Amino acid sequence: MKNNKLTFVLVTTVAITIVGAGLSLFFSRFINLAGGGGDSIPGPQKTVLPSAAPQPATTAAVTYAPPSPQDAPASIREAVLLGANIMTETGKYASQYVGNKLSCTNCHFKAGLTQGGKNGGLSLVGVGASYPQYRKRQDYAVDLVTRTNDCFKRSMNGRPLPEESKEMTAIVTYYQWISKGLPVYAEIPWLGLPHLKTTHAPDKGKGGQVFDAKCGVCHGKNGEGTSAAPAVWGDTSFNDGAGMHKPANLAAFAHANMPLGNPDLSVEDALDVAEYVAAQPRPHFSNKQ
């Protein structure tokens, strides 16, 4: 009987020892999983999500030769050609919407078929791929119809074109044709005109001297315009709501483009003459439809 009891005790002791060792090993694994000390039993590897595929950079330089309006397909050629004509002779082809003697091409040289820079004016190549676009004036994204009508109301001192008019359709079709093939919302480096960076304080008096010496021969002694260049103030020029009425915009444009064919205005002269021109009388903008 004693032997049986001794055997039972020994078996029980061994069983408890084995179970205890197993439990110790089991709980030590959970301790390691929780980040505790000891590294003999590694925890599971963290799941690493794959990185997103790299996207093509939109800031890379874009090179582009815009298609000729005459090369537009037959289905849109008439609209594209009318759009080009409106650009170059706005008062003739959109006369009922124009209130001065300017044409789009006075700012958008060669009907906008340039790539900006020196003597390039304000390019339109790529606008068909860049809009709708946020504009501070509306504090919202605007489409090409709204942007174009802003020009007619302000730069042309006229009134907006109906959205579905033949003329507006032609203008927008023209924009899109000369932007053919450009990536949508790519960064088009030649669009727009950055303001001049300088600490120079514009001097209106000096600007008048610059105008008399370099600008009046083409734009007229009193800014009234000549056969060579448009009016820059007075009743036949842009109104005080136009972008060019802002000295910073006009200075950047003049520095890059004036005198036409040989732009040589210094940054200081451009700022001074822009201040002078902006101070001259012109039509007042009234946002009437």
C-alpha atoms as a PDB file:
ATOM      1  CA  MET A   1       0.000   0.000   0.000  1.00  0.00           C
ATOM      2  CA  LYS A   2       2.874   2.328   0.891  1.00  0.00           C
ATOM      3  CA  ASN A   3       4.512   1.602  -2.426  1.00  0.00           C
ATOM      4  CA  ASN A   4       1.297   2.493  -4.256  1.00  0.00           C
ATOM      5  CA  LYS A   5       1.042   5.814  -2.418  1.00  0.00           C
ATOM      6  CA  LEU A   6       4.705   6.630  -3.172  1.00  0.00           C
ATOM      7  CA  THR A   7       4.202   5.839  -6.829  1.00  0.00           C
ATOM      8  CA  PHE A   8       1.108   8.074  -6.957  1.00  0.00           C
ATOM      9  CA  VAL A   9       3.004  10.973  -5.375  1.00  0.00           C
ATOM     10  CA  LEU A  10       5.934  10.619  -7.789  1.00  0.00           C
ATOM     11  CA  VAL A  11       3.651  10.475 -10.850  1.00  0.00           C
ATOM     12  CA  THR A  12       1.659  13.479  -9.646  1.00  0.00           C
ATOM     13  CA  THR A  13       4.812  15.494  -9.017  1.00  0.00           C
ATOM     14  CA  VAL A  14       6.229  14.732 -12.445  1.00  0.00           C
ATOM     15  CA  ALA A  15       2.917  15.648 -14.114  1.00  0.00           C
ATOM     16  CA  ILE A  16       2.718  18.953 -12.269  1.00  0.00           C
ATOM     17  CA  THR A  17       6.309  19.730 -13.261  1.00  0.00           C
ATOM     18  CA  ILE A  18       5.608  19.077 -16.945  1.00  0.00           C
ATOM     19  CA  VAL A  19       2.383  21.102 -16.916  1.00  0.00           C
ATOM     20  CA  GLY A  20       4.127  23.970 -15.130  1.00  0.00           C
ATOM     21  CA  ALA A  21       6.936  24.043 -17.677  1.00  0.00           C
ATOM     22  CA  GLY A  22       4.423  24.093 -20.483  1.00  0.00           C
ATOM     23  CA  LEU A  23       2.469  26.958 -18.940  1.00  0.00           C
ATOM     24  CA  SER A  24       5.677  28.901 -18.372  1.00  0.00           C
ATOM     25  CA  LEU A  25       6.665  28.526 -21.996  1.00  0.00           C
ATOM     26  CA  PHE A  26       3.119  29.486 -23.115  1.00  0.00           C
ATOM     27  CA  PHE A  27       2.954  32.713 -21.083  1.00  0.00           C
ATOM     28  CA  SER A  28       6.526  33.722 -21.889  1.00  0.00           C
ATOM     29  CA  ARG A  29       5.500  33.783 -25.563  1.00  0.00           C
ATOM     30  CA  PHE A  30       2.694  36.246 -24.813  1.00  0.00           C
ATOM     31  CA  ILE A  31       5.093  38.401 -22.818  1.00  0.00           C
ATOM     32  CA  ASN A  32       7.369  38.610 -25.863  1.00  0.00           C
ATOM     33  CA  LEU A  33       4.408  39.413 -28.120  1.00  0.00           C
ATOM     34  CA  ALA A  34       3.542  42.314 -25.874  1.00  0.00           C
ATOM     35  CA  GLY A  35       7.021  43.733 -26.276  1.00  0.00           C
ATOM     36  CA  GLY A  36       8.468  42.584 -22.947  1.00  0.00           C
ATOM     37  CA  GLY A  37      12.077  41.675 -22.303  1.00  0.00           C
ATOM     38  CA  GLY A  38      13.677  38.519 -23.565  1.00  0.00           C
ATOM     39  CA  ASP A  39      14.293  37.791 -27.181  1.00  0.00           C
ATOM     40  CA  SER A  40      14.645  34.055 -27.324  1.00  0.00           C
ATOM     41  CA  ILE A  41      11.150  33.710 -28.827  1.00  0.00           C
ATOM     42  CA  PRO A  42      10.612  36.297 -31.567  1.00  0.00           C
ATOM     43  CA  GLY A  43       7.236  38.017 -31.902  1.00  0.00           C
ATOM     44  CA  PRO A  44       5.372  38.132 -35.183  1.00  0.00           C
ATOM     45  CA  GLN A  45       6.623  40.449 -37.925  1.00  0.00           C
ATOM     46  CA  LYS A  46       4.659  43.684 -38.488  1.00  0.00           C
ATOM     47  CA  THR A  47       2.661  43.823 -41.687  1.00  0.00           C
ATOM     48  CA  VAL A  48       4.216  46.382 -44.056  1.00  0.00           C
ATOM     49  CA  LEU A  49       1.831  47.811 -46.614  1.00  0.00           C
ATOM     50  CA  PRO A  50       3.291  48.267 -50.097  1.00  0.00           C
ATOM     51  CA  SER A  51       4.215  51.836 -51.000  1.00  0.00           C
ATOM     52  CA  ALA A  52       2.098  53.592 -53.573  1.00  0.00           C
ATOM     53  CA  ALA A  53       3.518  53.429 -57.045  1.00  0.00           C
ATOM     54  CA  PRO A  54       5.495  56.575 -57.832  1.00  0.00           C
ATOM     55  CA  GLN A  55       3.467  59.037 -59.865  1.00  0.00           C
ATOM     56  CA  PRO A  56       4.882  60.965 -62.812  1.00  0.00           C
ATOM     57  CA  ALA A  57       6.046  64.419 -61.762  1.00  0.00           C
ATOM     58  CA  THR A  58       3.835  67.218 -63.024  1.00  0.00           C
ATOM     59  CA  THR A  59       6.515  69.835 -62.499  1.00  0.00           C
ATOM     60  CA  ALA A  60       8.756  68.538 -65.254  1.00  0.00           C
ATOM     61  CA  ALA A  61       9.337  70.871 -68.165  1.00  0.00           C
ATOM     62  CA  VAL A  62       6.712  70.575 -70.856  1.00  0.00           C
ATOM     63  CA  THR A  63       7.576  71.159 -74.482  1.00  0.00           C
ATOM     64  CA  TYR A  64       4.836  71.629 -76.990  1.00  0.00           C
ATOM     65  CA  ALA A  65       4.159  72.937 -80.462  1.00  0.00           C
ATOM     66  CA  PRO A  66       0.499  73.960 -80.701  1.00  0.00           C
ATOM     67  CA  PRO A  67      -1.425  72.760 -83.740  1.00  0.00           C
ATOM     68  CA  SER A  68      -2.415  75.324 -86.334  1.00  0.00           C
ATOM     69  CA  PRO A  69      -6.081  76.401 -86.342  1.00  0.00           C
ATOM     70  CA  GLN A  70      -6.192  75.517 -90.043  1.00  0.00           C
ATOM     71  CA  ASP A  71      -5.313  71.911 -89.169  1.00  0.00           C
ATOM     72  CA  ALA A  72      -8.367  71.375 -86.982  1.00  0.00           C
ATOM     73  CA  PRO A  73     -10.570  68.460 -88.108  1.00  0.00           C
ATOM     74  CA  ALA A  74     -13.465  69.343 -90.370  1.00  0.00           C
ATOM     75  CA  SER A  75     -16.041  68.834 -87.612  1.00  0.00           C
ATOM     76  CA  ILE A  76     -14.663  71.741 -85.545  1.00  0.00           C
ATOM     77  CA  ARG A  77     -12.584  73.712 -88.054  1.00  0.00           C
ATOM     78  CA  GLU A  78     -15.172  76.455 -88.567  1.00  0.00           C
ATOM     79  CA  ALA A  79     -15.441  77.020 -84.798  1.00  0.00           C
ATOM     80  CA  VAL A  80     -11.668  76.974 -84.287  1.00  0.00           C
ATOM     81  CA  LEU A  81     -11.113  79.485 -87.091  1.00  0.00           C
ATOM     82  CA  LEU A  82     -13.815  81.779 -85.736  1.00  0.00           C
ATOM     83  CA  GLY A  83     -12.195  81.545 -82.308  1.00  0.00           C
ATOM     84  CA  ALA A  84      -8.843  82.539 -83.817  1.00  0.00           C
ATOM     85  CA  ASN A  85     -10.451  85.481 -85.611  1.00  0.00           C
ATOM     86  CA  ILE A  86     -12.104  86.669 -82.401  1.00  0.00           C
ATOM     87  CA  MET A  87      -8.699  86.614 -80.743  1.00  0.00           C
ATOM     88  CA  THR A  88      -7.066  88.780 -83.389  1.00  0.00           C
ATOM     89  CA  GLU A  89      -9.980  91.058 -84.380  1.00  0.00           C
ATOM     90  CA  THR A  90     -12.277  91.015 -81.395  1.00  0.00           C
ATOM     91  CA  GLY A  91     -14.103  94.215 -82.287  1.00  0.00           C
ATOM     92  CA  LYS A  92     -14.984  92.817 -85.701  1.00  0.00           C
ATOM     93  CA  TYR A  93     -16.010  89.259 -84.849  1.00  0.00           C
ATOM     94  CA  ALA A  94     -17.563  89.873 -81.401  1.00  0.00           C
ATOM     95  CA  SER A  95     -18.482  93.531 -81.763  1.00  0.00           C
ATOM     96  CA  GLN A  96     -21.663  93.452 -79.683  1.00  0.00           C
ATOM     97  CA  TYR A  97     -19.692  92.335 -76.617  1.00  0.00           C
ATOM     98  CA  VAL A  98     -16.784  94.806 -76.868  1.00  0.00           C
ATOM     99  CA  GLY A  99     -16.797  98.314 -75.390  1.00  0.00           C
ATOM    100  CA  ASN A 100     -13.377  99.633 -76.396  1.00  0.00           C
ATOM    101  CA  LYS A 101     -10.835  99.440 -79.210  1.00  0.00           C
ATOM    102  CA  LEU A 102      -8.790  96.565 -77.855  1.00  0.00           C
ATOM    103  CA  SER A 103      -8.456  93.011 -79.144  1.00  0.00           C
ATOM    104  CA  CYS A 104      -7.533  89.862 -77.240  1.00  0.00           C
ATOM    105  CA  THR A 105      -4.272  89.702 -79.156  1.00  0.00           C
ATOM    106  CA  ASN A 106      -3.083  92.961 -77.523  1.00  0.00           C
ATOM    107  CA  CYS A 107      -2.232  90.849 -74.472  1.00  0.00           C
ATOM    108  CA  HIS A 108      -2.319  87.351 -75.999  1.00  0.00           C
ATOM    109  CA  PHE A 109       0.192  87.908 -78.803  1.00  0.00           C
ATOM    110  CA  LYS A 110      -0.346  85.954 -82.020  1.00  0.00           C
ATOM    111  CA  ALA A 111      -3.793  84.893 -80.789  1.00  0.00           C
ATOM    112  CA  GLY A 112      -2.160  83.287 -77.757  1.00  0.00           C
ATOM    113  CA  LEU A 113      -0.105  80.862 -79.867  1.00  0.00           C
ATOM    114  CA  THR A 114       3.118  81.579 -78.010  1.00  0.00           C
ATOM    115  CA  GLN A 115       4.807  80.101 -74.991  1.00  0.00           C
ATOM    116  CA  GLY A 116       5.166  83.313 -73.021  1.00  0.00           C
ATOM    117  CA  GLY A 117       8.562  84.609 -71.993  1.00  0.00           C
ATOM    118  CA  LYS A 118      10.220  87.593 -73.625  1.00  0.00           C
ATOM    119  CA  ASN A 119       8.023  89.028 -76.361  1.00  0.00           C
ATOM    120  CA  GLY A 120       5.508  86.202 -75.971  1.00  0.00           C
ATOM    121  CA  GLY A 121       2.721  88.088 -74.252  1.00  0.00           C
ATOM    122  CA  LEU A 122       0.246  85.992 -72.301  1.00  0.00           C
ATOM    123  CA  SER A 123       0.045  82.503 -73.780  1.00  0.00           C
ATOM    124  CA  LEU A 124      -3.247  80.676 -74.214  1.00  0.00           C
ATOM    125  CA  VAL A 125      -1.596  77.387 -75.154  1.00  0.00           C
ATOM    126  CA  GLY A 126      -2.604  74.926 -72.460  1.00  0.00           C
ATOM    127  CA  VAL A 127      -5.560  76.747 -70.935  1.00  0.00           C
ATOM    128  CA  GLY A 128      -7.845  74.131 -72.436  1.00  0.00           C
ATOM    129  CA  ALA A 129      -6.117  71.551 -70.235  1.00  0.00           C
ATOM    130  CA  SER A 130      -5.822  73.769 -67.148  1.00  0.00           C
ATOM    131  CA  TYR A 131      -9.420  74.761 -66.422  1.00  0.00           C
ATOM    132  CA  PRO A 132     -11.559  74.741 -64.327  1.00  0.00           C
ATOM    133  CA  GLN A 133      -9.059  76.546 -62.093  1.00  0.00           C
ATOM    134  CA  TYR A 134      -9.196  78.350 -58.761  1.00  0.00           C
ATOM    135  CA  ARG A 135      -9.252  82.133 -59.020  1.00  0.00           C
ATOM    136  CA  LYS A 136      -8.854  84.452 -56.097  1.00  0.00           C
ATOM    137  CA  ARG A 137     -11.343  86.927 -57.578  1.00  0.00           C
ATOM    138  CA  GLN A 138     -14.222  84.441 -57.284  1.00  0.00           C
ATOM    139  CA  ASP A 139     -12.605  82.483 -54.433  1.00  0.00           C
ATOM    140  CA  TYR A 140     -13.698  79.340 -56.258  1.00  0.00           C
ATOM    141  CA  ALA A 141     -12.891  77.228 -59.278  1.00  0.00           C
ATOM    142  CA  VAL A 142     -14.016  78.835 -62.517  1.00  0.00           C
ATOM    143  CA  ASP A 143     -14.349  77.374 -65.995  1.00  0.00           C
ATOM    144  CA  LEU A 144     -13.185  78.809 -69.300  1.00  0.00           C
ATOM    145  CA  VAL A 145     -16.520  80.462 -69.989  1.00  0.00           C
ATOM    146  CA  THR A 146     -16.397  82.431 -66.736  1.00  0.00           C
ATOM    147  CA  ARG A 147     -12.722  83.294 -67.220  1.00  0.00           C
ATOM    148  CA  THR A 148     -13.308  84.501 -70.777  1.00  0.00           C
ATOM    149  CA  ASN A 149     -16.279  86.629 -69.777  1.00  0.00           C
ATOM    150  CA  ASP A 150     -14.171  88.242 -67.067  1.00  0.00           C
ATOM    151  CA  CYS A 151     -11.921  89.494 -69.856  1.00  0.00           C
ATOM    152  CA  PHE A 152     -14.832  90.760 -71.928  1.00  0.00           C
ATOM    153  CA  LYS A 153     -16.318  92.651 -68.982  1.00  0.00           C
ATOM    154  CA  ARG A 154     -13.038  94.092 -67.757  1.00  0.00           C
ATOM    155  CA  SER A 155     -10.241  94.136 -70.324  1.00  0.00           C
ATOM    156  CA  MET A 156     -12.644  94.690 -73.214  1.00  0.00           C
ATOM    157  CA  ASN A 157     -14.863  97.004 -71.118  1.00  0.00           C
ATOM    158  CA  GLY A 158     -17.808  95.177 -72.627  1.00  0.00           C
ATOM    159  CA  ARG A 159     -20.387  92.643 -71.604  1.00  0.00           C
ATOM    160  CA  PRO A 160     -20.356  88.853 -71.188  1.00  0.00           C
ATOM    161  CA  LEU A 161     -21.046  86.493 -74.046  1.00  0.00           C
ATOM    162  CA  PRO A 162     -23.991  84.115 -73.563  1.00  0.00           C
ATOM    163  CA  GLU A 163     -22.579  80.732 -72.569  1.00  0.00           C
ATOM    164  CA  GLU A 164     -24.143  78.944 -75.538  1.00  0.00           C
ATOM    165  CA  SER A 165     -23.482  81.671 -78.086  1.00  0.00           C
ATOM    166  CA  LYS A 166     -21.696  80.901 -81.324  1.00  0.00           C
ATOM    167  CA  GLU A 167     -18.841  83.204 -80.282  1.00  0.00           C
ATOM    168  CA  MET A 168     -18.279  81.622 -76.858  1.00  0.00           C
ATOM    169  CA  THR A 169     -18.434  78.137 -78.314  1.00  0.00           C
ATOM    170  CA  ALA A 170     -15.849  79.168 -80.899  1.00  0.00           C
ATOM    171  CA  ILE A 171     -13.501  80.664 -78.298  1.00  0.00           C
ATOM    172  CA  VAL A 172     -13.613  77.619 -76.018  1.00  0.00           C
ATOM    173  CA  THR A 173     -13.192  75.254 -78.984  1.00  0.00           C
ATOM    174  CA  TYR A 174     -10.150  77.278 -80.024  1.00  0.00           C
ATOM    175  CA  TYR A 175      -8.645  77.041 -76.521  1.00  0.00           C
ATOM    176  CA  GLN A 176      -9.076  73.298 -76.465  1.00  0.00           C
ATOM    177  CA  TRP A 177      -7.728  72.757 -79.971  1.00  0.00           C
ATOM    178  CA  ILE A 178      -4.496  74.673 -79.321  1.00  0.00           C
ATOM    179  CA  SER A 179      -4.102  72.686 -76.080  1.00  0.00           C
ATOM    180  CA  LYS A 180      -4.561  69.341 -77.860  1.00  0.00           C
ATOM    181  CA  GLY A 181      -2.401  66.590 -76.388  1.00  0.00           C
ATOM    182  CA  LEU A 182      -1.236  68.449 -73.291  1.00  0.00           C
ATOM    183  CA  PRO A 183      -1.782  66.500 -70.051  1.00  0.00           C
ATOM    184  CA  VAL A 184      -4.838  67.637 -68.111  1.00  0.00           C
ATOM    185  CA  TYR A 185      -3.777  69.676 -65.075  1.00  0.00           C
ATOM    186  CA  ALA A 186      -0.093  69.313 -65.828  1.00  0.00           C
ATOM    187  CA  GLU A 187       1.982  72.284 -64.741  1.00  0.00           C
ATOM    188  CA  ILE A 188       2.294  74.364 -67.905  1.00  0.00           C
ATOM    189  CA  PRO A 189       5.370  76.518 -67.250  1.00  0.00           C
ATOM    190  CA  TRP A 190       4.601  79.267 -69.755  1.00  0.00           C
ATOM    191  CA  LEU A 191       1.096  80.067 -68.523  1.00  0.00           C
ATOM    192  CA  GLY A 192       0.687  83.196 -66.430  1.00  0.00           C
ATOM    193  CA  LEU A 193       3.269  85.822 -65.627  1.00  0.00           C
ATOM    194  CA  PRO A 194       4.973  85.937 -62.204  1.00  0.00           C
ATOM    195  CA  HIS A 195       5.250  89.286 -60.479  1.00  0.00           C
ATOM    196  CA  LEU A 196       8.624  90.992 -60.387  1.00  0.00           C
ATOM    197  CA  LYS A 197      10.667  90.328 -57.265  1.00  0.00           C
ATOM    198  CA  THR A 198      12.256  93.515 -55.992  1.00  0.00           C
ATOM    199  CA  THR A 199      12.336  95.885 -53.059  1.00  0.00           C
ATOM    200  CA  HIS A 200      11.967  98.873 -55.382  1.00  0.00           C
ATOM    201  CA  ALA A 201       9.181 101.272 -54.414  1.00  0.00           C
ATOM    202  CA  PRO A 202       7.371 102.369 -57.622  1.00  0.00           C
ATOM    203  CA  ASP A 203       7.733 106.055 -58.468  1.00  0.00           C
ATOM    204  CA  LYS A 204       4.870 107.455 -60.546  1.00  0.00           C
ATOM    205  CA  GLY A 205       6.844 110.588 -61.467  1.00  0.00           C
ATOM    206  CA  LYS A 206       9.715 108.581 -62.890  1.00  0.00           C
ATOM    207  CA  GLY A 207       7.162 106.342 -64.581  1.00  0.00           C
ATOM    208  CA  GLY A 208       5.851 109.317 -66.538  1.00  0.00           C
ATOM    209  CA  GLN A 209       9.368 110.001 -67.786  1.00  0.00           C
ATOM    210  CA  VAL A 210       9.764 106.371 -68.847  1.00  0.00           C
ATOM    211  CA  PHE A 211       6.438 106.513 -70.691  1.00  0.00           C
ATOM    212  CA  ASP A 212       7.387 109.662 -72.575  1.00  0.00           C
ATOM    213  CA  ALA A 213      10.775 108.242 -73.524  1.00  0.00           C
ATOM    214  CA  LYS A 214       9.861 104.668 -74.457  1.00  0.00           C
ATOM    215  CA  CYS A 215       6.100 104.103 -74.627  1.00  0.00           C
ATOM    216  CA  GLY A 216       4.395 107.180 -76.037  1.00  0.00           C
ATOM    217  CA  VAL A 217       5.755 106.738 -79.529  1.00  0.00           C
ATOM    218  CA  CYS A 218       3.560 103.631 -79.969  1.00  0.00           C
ATOM    219  CA  HIS A 219       0.799 104.053 -77.383  1.00  0.00           C
ATOM    220  CA  GLY A 220       0.308 107.764 -78.009  1.00  0.00           C
ATOM    221  CA  LYS A 221       1.476 110.764 -76.031  1.00  0.00           C
ATOM    222  CA  ASN A 222      -1.719 110.694 -73.982  1.00  0.00           C
ATOM    223  CA  GLY A 223      -2.053 106.911 -73.885  1.00  0.00           C
ATOM    224  CA  GLU A 224      -4.787 107.080 -76.501  1.00  0.00           C
ATOM    225  CA  GLY A 225      -3.254 104.427 -78.753  1.00  0.00           C
ATOM    226  CA  THR A 226      -2.051 104.544 -82.340  1.00  0.00           C
ATOM    227  CA  SER A 227      -2.116 102.239 -85.346  1.00  0.00           C
ATOM    228  CA  ALA A 228       0.951 100.560 -83.840  1.00  0.00           C
ATOM    229  CA  ALA A 229      -0.288  99.876 -80.306  1.00  0.00           C
ATOM    230  CA  PRO A 230      -3.495  99.999 -78.245  1.00  0.00           C
ATOM    231  CA  ALA A 231      -4.706 102.651 -75.838  1.00  0.00           C
ATOM    232  CA  VAL A 232      -3.427 102.152 -72.289  1.00  0.00           C
ATOM    233  CA  TRP A 233      -5.779 104.632 -70.645  1.00  0.00           C
ATOM    234  CA  GLY A 234      -8.763 106.758 -71.608  1.00  0.00           C
ATOM    235  CA  ASP A 235     -12.222 105.841 -72.868  1.00  0.00           C
ATOM    236  CA  THR A 236     -11.035 103.298 -75.429  1.00  0.00           C
ATOM    237  CA  SER A 237      -8.815 101.293 -73.074  1.00  0.00           C
ATOM    238  CA  PHE A 238      -9.438  98.628 -70.429  1.00  0.00           C
ATOM    239  CA  ASN A 239     -11.433  99.603 -67.358  1.00  0.00           C
ATOM    240  CA  ASP A 240     -10.313  99.797 -63.745  1.00  0.00           C
ATOM    241  CA  GLY A 241     -11.504  96.255 -63.039  1.00  0.00           C
ATOM    242  CA  ALA A 242      -9.098  94.683 -65.521  1.00  0.00           C
ATOM    243  CA  GLY A 243      -6.080  92.681 -64.471  1.00  0.00           C
ATOM    244  CA  MET A 244      -3.791  95.083 -66.308  1.00  0.00           C
ATOM    245  CA  HIS A 245      -5.034  97.915 -64.133  1.00  0.00           C
ATOM    246  CA  LYS A 246      -3.119  96.338 -61.240  1.00  0.00           C
ATOM    247  CA  PRO A 247       0.407  97.796 -61.332  1.00  0.00           C
ATOM    248  CA  ALA A 248       2.044  94.487 -60.358  1.00  0.00           C
ATOM    249  CA  ASN A 249       0.450  92.714 -63.330  1.00  0.00           C
ATOM    250  CA  LEU A 250       1.183  95.504 -65.790  1.00  0.00           C
ATOM    251  CA  ALA A 251       4.784  95.798 -64.595  1.00  0.00           C
ATOM    252  CA  ALA A 252       5.424  92.090 -65.139  1.00  0.00           C
ATOM    253  CA  PHE A 253       3.871  92.259 -68.609  1.00  0.00           C
ATOM    254  CA  ALA A 254       5.798  95.409 -69.592  1.00  0.00           C
ATOM    255  CA  HIS A 255       9.107  94.026 -68.323  1.00  0.00           C
ATOM    256  CA  ALA A 256       8.704  90.849 -70.381  1.00  0.00           C
ATOM    257  CA  ASN A 257       7.332  92.443 -73.551  1.00  0.00           C
ATOM    258  CA  MET A 258       7.982  96.169 -73.889  1.00  0.00           C
ATOM    259  CA  PRO A 259       9.051  97.856 -76.074  1.00  0.00           C
ATOM    260  CA  LEU A 260       7.554  95.309 -78.435  1.00  0.00           C
ATOM    261  CA  GLY A 261      10.213  93.428 -80.331  1.00  0.00           C
ATOM    262  CA  ASN A 262      13.015  94.590 -78.067  1.00  0.00           C
ATOM    263  CA  PRO A 263      11.938  94.404 -74.422  1.00  0.00           C
ATOM    264  CA  ASP A 264      14.582  96.251 -72.447  1.00  0.00           C
ATOM    265  CA  LEU A 265      12.774  97.879 -69.533  1.00  0.00           C
ATOM    266  CA  SER A 266      14.561  97.396 -66.251  1.00  0.00           C
ATOM    267  CA  VAL A 267      12.582  96.011 -63.323  1.00  0.00           C
ATOM    268  CA  GLU A 268      12.549  99.477 -61.783  1.00  0.00           C
ATOM    269  CA  ASP A 269      11.408 101.194 -64.989  1.00  0.00           C
ATOM    270  CA  ALA A 270       8.661  98.615 -65.487  1.00  0.00           C
ATOM    271  CA  LEU A 271       7.335  99.151 -61.966  1.00  0.00           C
ATOM    272  CA  ASP A 272       7.506 102.928 -62.298  1.00  0.00           C
ATOM    273  CA  VAL A 273       5.734 103.113 -65.655  1.00  0.00           C
ATOM    274  CA  ALA A 274       3.050 100.657 -64.502  1.00  0.00           C
ATOM    275  CA  GLU A 275       2.358 102.866 -61.497  1.00  0.00           C
ATOM    276  CA  TYR A 276       2.070 105.877 -63.789  1.00  0.00           C
ATOM    277  CA  VAL A 277      -0.262 104.185 -66.292  1.00  0.00           C
ATOM    278  CA  ALA A 278      -2.498 102.780 -63.545  1.00  0.00           C
ATOM    279  CA  ALA A 279      -2.972 106.299 -62.156  1.00  0.00           C
ATOM    280  CA  GLN A 280      -4.408 107.653 -65.413  1.00  0.00           C
ATOM    281  CA  PRO A 281      -8.161 107.999 -66.057  1.00  0.00           C
ATOM    282  CA  ARG A 282     -10.059 105.094 -67.595  1.00  0.00           C
ATOM    283  CA  PRO A 283     -13.581 103.626 -67.613  1.00  0.00           C
ATOM    284  CA  HIS A 284     -14.950 102.406 -64.309  1.00  0.00           C
ATOM    285  CA  PHE A 285     -15.847  98.732 -64.047  1.00  0.00           C
ATOM    286  CA  SER A 286     -19.521  98.075 -63.430  1.00  0.00           C
ATOM    287  CA  ASN A 287     -20.445  94.426 -63.085  1.00  0.00           C
ATOM    288  CA  LYS A 288     -23.573  94.662 -65.193  1.00  0.00           C
ATOM    289  CA  GLN A 289     -24.712  91.790 -67.344  1.00  0.00           C
END
